[in-house]
């Protein structure tokens, strides 16, 4: 089996998701939310991880990824991946170290 950096087995995020989940999602839940937590984490990583820094500045404000806006469960499961596993670059102007 080929190594995949996005899906390298059980990690902390998957374990957190499993500890917080009920036995099984209701049948009315979307097909995506009925997928196993390990697979959802892989999908979140493919969708959210960037190879370049995410630039933030006065004129550069990246939109929040859509998957963080789908519903509360998707946001809870994917926000840590987006904010902790990406690198953010902040552009600071008019910095005065004397302050």
C-alpha atoms as a PDB file:
ATOM      1  CA  UNK A   1       0.000   0.000   0.000  1.00  0.00           C
ATOM      2  CA  UNK A   2       1.316   3.435  -0.936  1.00  0.00           C
ATOM      3  CA  UNK A   3       2.034   5.883   1.909  1.00  0.00           C
ATOM      4  CA  UNK A   4      -0.326   8.835   1.898  1.00  0.00           C
ATOM      5  CA  UNK A   5       0.631  11.810   4.099  1.00  0.00           C
ATOM      6  CA  UNK A   6      -3.029  12.788   4.414  1.00  0.00           C
ATOM      7  CA  UNK A   7      -4.207   9.363   5.536  1.00  0.00           C
ATOM      8  CA  UNK A   8      -1.452   7.798   7.600  1.00  0.00           C
ATOM      9  CA  UNK A   9      -3.551   5.785  10.008  1.00  0.00           C
ATOM     10  CA  UNK A  10      -5.180   6.746  13.268  1.00  0.00           C
ATOM     11  CA  UNK A  11      -4.016  10.068  14.592  1.00  0.00           C
ATOM     12  CA  UNK A  12      -5.105  12.308  17.454  1.00  0.00           C
ATOM     13  CA  UNK A  13      -7.824  13.989  15.378  1.00  0.00           C
ATOM     14  CA  UNK A  14      -9.478  10.651  14.527  1.00  0.00           C
ATOM     15  CA  UNK A  15      -9.297   9.502  18.142  1.00  0.00           C
ATOM     16  CA  UNK A  16     -10.883  12.777  19.335  1.00  0.00           C
ATOM     17  CA  UNK A  17     -13.677  12.387  16.785  1.00  0.00           C
ATOM     18  CA  UNK A  18     -14.369   8.795  17.811  1.00  0.00           C
ATOM     19  CA  UNK A  19     -14.494   9.654  21.514  1.00  0.00           C
ATOM     20  CA  UNK A  20     -17.055  12.383  20.855  1.00  0.00           C
ATOM     21  CA  UNK A  21     -19.284  10.435  18.453  1.00  0.00           C
ATOM     22  CA  UNK A  22     -22.438   8.560  19.255  1.00  0.00           C
ATOM     23  CA  UNK A  23     -22.578   4.879  18.347  1.00  0.00           C
ATOM     24  CA  UNK A  24     -23.860   5.614  14.865  1.00  0.00           C
ATOM     25  CA  UNK A  25     -25.048   8.765  13.103  1.00  0.00           C
ATOM     26  CA  UNK A  26     -28.776   8.898  12.388  1.00  0.00           C
ATOM     27  CA  UNK A  27     -29.896   7.697   8.972  1.00  0.00           C
ATOM     28  CA  UNK A  28     -31.055  11.235   8.232  1.00  0.00           C
ATOM     29  CA  UNK A  29     -27.403  12.422   8.433  1.00  0.00           C
ATOM     30  CA  UNK A  30     -25.676  13.078   5.130  1.00  0.00           C
ATOM     31  CA  UNK A  31     -23.782  10.263   3.450  1.00  0.00           C
ATOM     32  CA  UNK A  32     -20.552  12.151   4.168  1.00  0.00           C
ATOM     33  CA  UNK A  33     -21.192  12.176   7.925  1.00  0.00           C
ATOM     34  CA  UNK A  34     -21.953   8.454   7.866  1.00  0.00           C
ATOM     35  CA  UNK A  35     -18.418   7.759   6.557  1.00  0.00           C
ATOM     36  CA  UNK A  36     -15.912   6.481   9.128  1.00  0.00           C
ATOM     37  CA  UNK A  37     -14.008   9.214  10.974  1.00  0.00           C
ATOM     38  CA  UNK A  38     -10.684   8.071   9.474  1.00  0.00           C
ATOM     39  CA  UNK A  39     -11.982   8.640   5.956  1.00  0.00           C
ATOM     40  CA  UNK A  40     -13.502  12.035   6.811  1.00  0.00           C
ATOM     41  CA  UNK A  41     -10.141  13.172   8.235  1.00  0.00           C
ATOM     42  CA  UNK A  42      -8.437  12.135   4.973  1.00  0.00           C
ATOM     43  CA  UNK A  43     -10.997  14.120   2.979  1.00  0.00           C
ATOM     44  CA  UNK A  44     -10.610  17.157   5.241  1.00  0.00           C
ATOM     45  CA  UNK A  45      -6.833  17.047   4.801  1.00  0.00           C
ATOM     46  CA  UNK A  46      -7.062  16.781   1.007  1.00  0.00           C
ATOM     47  CA  UNK A  47      -9.486  19.712   0.963  1.00  0.00           C
ATOM     48  CA  UNK A  48      -7.817  21.975   3.526  1.00  0.00           C
ATOM     49  CA  UNK A  49      -4.051  21.519   3.570  1.00  0.00           C
ATOM     50  CA  UNK A  50      -2.038  23.920   1.437  1.00  0.00           C
ATOM     51  CA  UNK A  51       1.548  23.493   0.249  1.00  0.00           C
ATOM     52  CA  UNK A  52       2.217  27.251   0.365  1.00  0.00           C
ATOM     53  CA  UNK A  53       1.753  29.638   3.269  1.00  0.00           C
ATOM     54  CA  UNK A  54      -1.703  31.150   3.584  1.00  0.00           C
ATOM     55  CA  UNK A  55      -1.074  34.884   3.347  1.00  0.00           C
ATOM     56  CA  UNK A  56      -2.885  37.293   5.623  1.00  0.00           C
ATOM     57  CA  UNK A  57      -2.424  41.045   5.443  1.00  0.00           C
ATOM     58  CA  UNK A  58      -4.213  44.328   5.061  1.00  0.00           C
ATOM     59  CA  UNK A  59      -5.254  43.510   1.497  1.00  0.00           C
ATOM     60  CA  UNK A  60      -5.018  39.718   1.660  1.00  0.00           C
ATOM     61  CA  UNK A  61      -7.733  38.086   3.703  1.00  0.00           C
ATOM     62  CA  UNK A  62      -8.367  34.511   2.643  1.00  0.00           C
ATOM     63  CA  UNK A  63     -11.949  33.354   2.715  1.00  0.00           C
ATOM     64  CA  UNK A  64     -12.754  30.692   5.255  1.00  0.00           C
ATOM     65  CA  UNK A  65     -12.886  27.303   3.501  1.00  0.00           C
ATOM     66  CA  UNK A  66     -16.404  26.218   2.632  1.00  0.00           C
ATOM     67  CA  UNK A  67     -16.146  22.917   4.459  1.00  0.00           C
ATOM     68  CA  UNK A  68     -15.785  24.861   7.734  1.00  0.00           C
ATOM     69  CA  UNK A  69     -19.146  26.476   7.003  1.00  0.00           C
ATOM     70  CA  UNK A  70     -21.177  23.367   6.134  1.00  0.00           C
ATOM     71  CA  UNK A  71     -22.430  22.525   9.613  1.00  0.00           C
ATOM     72  CA  UNK A  72     -21.283  22.371  13.217  1.00  0.00           C
ATOM     73  CA  UNK A  73     -20.017  18.799  13.051  1.00  0.00           C
ATOM     74  CA  UNK A  74     -17.902  19.407   9.929  1.00  0.00           C
ATOM     75  CA  UNK A  75     -16.519  22.600  11.471  1.00  0.00           C
ATOM     76  CA  UNK A  76     -15.655  20.857  14.747  1.00  0.00           C
ATOM     77  CA  UNK A  77     -13.948  18.004  12.917  1.00  0.00           C
ATOM     78  CA  UNK A  78     -12.017  20.071  10.373  1.00  0.00           C
ATOM     79  CA  UNK A  79     -11.141  23.436  11.977  1.00  0.00           C
ATOM     80  CA  UNK A  80      -8.142  22.032  13.879  1.00  0.00           C
ATOM     81  CA  UNK A  81      -6.768  20.520  10.691  1.00  0.00           C
ATOM     82  CA  UNK A  82      -7.044  23.831   8.818  1.00  0.00           C
ATOM     83  CA  UNK A  83      -5.721  26.115  11.553  1.00  0.00           C
ATOM     84  CA  UNK A  84      -3.068  23.835  13.104  1.00  0.00           C
ATOM     85  CA  UNK A  85      -1.629  21.995  10.106  1.00  0.00           C
ATOM     86  CA  UNK A  86      -1.333  24.907   7.646  1.00  0.00           C
ATOM     87  CA  UNK A  87       1.279  27.664   7.800  1.00  0.00           C
ATOM     88  CA  UNK A  88       0.017  31.234   7.892  1.00  0.00           C
ATOM     89  CA  UNK A  89       2.137  34.226   6.846  1.00  0.00           C
ATOM     90  CA  UNK A  90       1.181  37.612   8.297  1.00  0.00           C
ATOM     91  CA  UNK A  91       2.265  40.816   6.586  1.00  0.00           C
ATOM     92  CA  UNK A  92       2.791  43.586   9.123  1.00  0.00           C
ATOM     93  CA  UNK A  93       3.225  47.202   8.042  1.00  0.00           C
ATOM     94  CA  UNK A  94       4.182  50.201  10.135  1.00  0.00           C
ATOM     95  CA  UNK A  95       5.694  48.107  12.892  1.00  0.00           C
ATOM     96  CA  UNK A  96       7.407  50.142  15.587  1.00  0.00           C
ATOM     97  CA  UNK A  97       9.492  48.011  17.931  1.00  0.00           C
ATOM     98  CA  UNK A  98       9.849  50.923  20.351  1.00  0.00           C
ATOM     99  CA  UNK A  99       6.211  50.620  21.439  1.00  0.00           C
END
